[in-house]
C-alpha atoms as a PDB file:
ATOM      1  CA  UNK A   1     -40.657  -4.787-104.316  1.00  0.00           C
ATOM      2  CA  UNK A   2     -38.603  -7.945-103.847  1.00  0.00           C
ATOM      3  CA  UNK A   3     -37.411  -8.656-100.335  1.00  0.00           C
ATOM      4  CA  UNK A   4     -34.498 -10.550 -98.813  1.00  0.00           C
ATOM      5  CA  UNK A   5     -33.778 -11.462 -95.202  1.00  0.00           C
ATOM      6  CA  UNK A   6     -30.133 -11.789 -94.150  1.00  0.00           C
ATOM      7  CA  UNK A   7     -29.823 -13.933 -91.024  1.00  0.00           C
ATOM      8  CA  UNK A   8     -26.553 -13.700 -89.144  1.00  0.00           C
ATOM      9  CA  UNK A   9     -25.131 -15.382 -86.092  1.00  0.00           C
ATOM     10  CA  UNK A  10     -24.927 -13.439 -82.871  1.00  0.00           C
ATOM     11  CA  UNK A  11     -22.576 -15.779 -81.027  1.00  0.00           C
ATOM     12  CA  UNK A  12     -19.457 -14.107 -79.699  1.00  0.00           C
ATOM     13  CA  UNK A  13     -17.369 -17.029 -78.382  1.00  0.00           C
ATOM     14  CA  UNK A  14     -16.361 -20.390 -79.800  1.00  0.00           C
ATOM     15  CA  UNK A  15     -14.686 -23.525 -78.503  1.00  0.00           C
ATOM     16  CA  UNK A  16     -13.562 -24.667 -75.067  1.00  0.00           C
ATOM     17  CA  UNK A  17     -11.192 -21.701 -74.711  1.00  0.00           C
ATOM     18  CA  UNK A  18     -14.071 -19.286 -75.406  1.00  0.00           C
ATOM     19  CA  UNK A  19     -12.174 -17.637 -78.279  1.00  0.00           C
ATOM     20  CA  UNK A  20     -13.876 -14.433 -79.412  1.00  0.00           C
ATOM     21  CA  UNK A  21     -15.693 -14.727 -82.719  1.00  0.00           C
ATOM     22  CA  UNK A  22     -18.388 -13.052 -84.766  1.00  0.00           C
ATOM     23  CA  UNK A  23     -19.505 -12.300 -88.304  1.00  0.00           C
ATOM     24  CA  UNK A  24     -16.817 -11.546 -90.862  1.00  0.00           C
ATOM     25  CA  UNK A  25     -17.969  -8.179 -92.211  1.00  0.00           C
ATOM     26  CA  UNK A  26     -17.374  -8.906 -95.938  1.00  0.00           C
ATOM     27  CA  UNK A  27     -19.586 -12.010 -95.669  1.00  0.00           C
ATOM     28  CA  UNK A  28     -22.500  -9.716 -94.791  1.00  0.00           C
ATOM     29  CA  UNK A  29     -21.527  -6.526 -96.636  1.00  0.00           C
ATOM     30  CA  UNK A  30     -20.967  -8.102-100.059  1.00  0.00           C
ATOM     31  CA  UNK A  31     -24.395  -9.794-100.297  1.00  0.00           C
ATOM     32  CA  UNK A  32     -25.993  -6.616 -98.934  1.00  0.00           C
ATOM     33  CA  UNK A  33     -24.375  -4.521-101.668  1.00  0.00           C
ATOM     34  CA  UNK A  34     -25.399  -6.970-104.400  1.00  0.00           C
ATOM     35  CA  UNK A  35     -29.008  -7.230-103.201  1.00  0.00           C
ATOM     36  CA  UNK A  36     -29.245  -3.441-102.810  1.00  0.00           C
ATOM     37  CA  UNK A  37     -27.866  -2.930-106.304  1.00  0.00           C
ATOM     38  CA  UNK A  38     -30.525  -5.339-107.647  1.00  0.00           C
ATOM     39  CA  UNK A  39     -33.283  -3.313-105.969  1.00  0.00           C
ATOM     40  CA  UNK A  40     -34.194  -5.618-103.092  1.00  0.00           C
ATOM     41  CA  UNK A  41     -35.579  -4.430 -99.763  1.00  0.00           C
ATOM     42  CA  UNK A  42     -33.153  -5.906 -97.190  1.00  0.00           C
ATOM     43  CA  UNK A  43     -33.862  -6.850 -93.590  1.00  0.00           C
ATOM     44  CA  UNK A  44     -31.485  -8.358 -91.028  1.00  0.00           C
ATOM     45  CA  UNK A  45     -32.172 -10.840 -88.246  1.00  0.00           C
ATOM     46  CA  UNK A  46     -30.239 -13.012 -85.821  1.00  0.00           C
ATOM     47  CA  UNK A  47     -31.247 -16.344 -84.331  1.00  0.00           C
ATOM     48  CA  UNK A  48     -32.054 -14.856 -80.911  1.00  0.00           C
ATOM     49  CA  UNK A  49     -33.065 -11.369 -82.027  1.00  0.00           C
ATOM     50  CA  UNK A  50     -30.030  -9.809 -80.337  1.00  0.00           C
ATOM     51  CA  UNK A  51     -27.385  -7.722 -82.093  1.00  0.00           C
ATOM     52  CA  UNK A  52     -24.754  -9.650 -84.051  1.00  0.00           C
ATOM     53  CA  UNK A  53     -21.049  -9.381 -83.239  1.00  0.00           C
ATOM     54  CA  UNK A  54     -18.358  -8.596 -85.780  1.00  0.00           C
ATOM     55  CA  UNK A  55     -15.309 -10.822 -85.910  1.00  0.00           C
ATOM     56  CA  UNK A  56     -12.355  -9.322 -84.100  1.00  0.00           C
ATOM     57  CA  UNK A  57      -9.512 -10.869 -86.075  1.00  0.00           C
ATOM     58  CA  UNK A  58      -6.802  -9.572 -83.744  1.00  0.00           C
ATOM     59  CA  UNK A  59      -8.393 -11.283 -80.734  1.00  0.00           C
ATOM     60  CA  UNK A  60      -9.069 -14.431 -82.753  1.00  0.00           C
ATOM     61  CA  UNK A  61      -5.328 -14.939 -83.232  1.00  0.00           C
ATOM     62  CA  UNK A  62      -4.683 -14.748 -79.482  1.00  0.00           C
ATOM     63  CA  UNK A  63      -7.067 -16.967 -77.485  1.00  0.00           C
ATOM     64  CA  UNK A  64      -7.650 -15.838 -73.919  1.00  0.00           C
END
């Protein structure tokens, strides 16, 4: 079986104002769906091994 490893960021803040950030779900979900449809075994990893964060678009528009 073919395999693919999807590596995602697990950072949750960005910039000097520490604006909340994370992975934009479609950027992970779309490749996952395509690889799954093609019969790949899919694994996920992050740079530090911790859980990734999803982008909270509402908070991203209003920096704290």
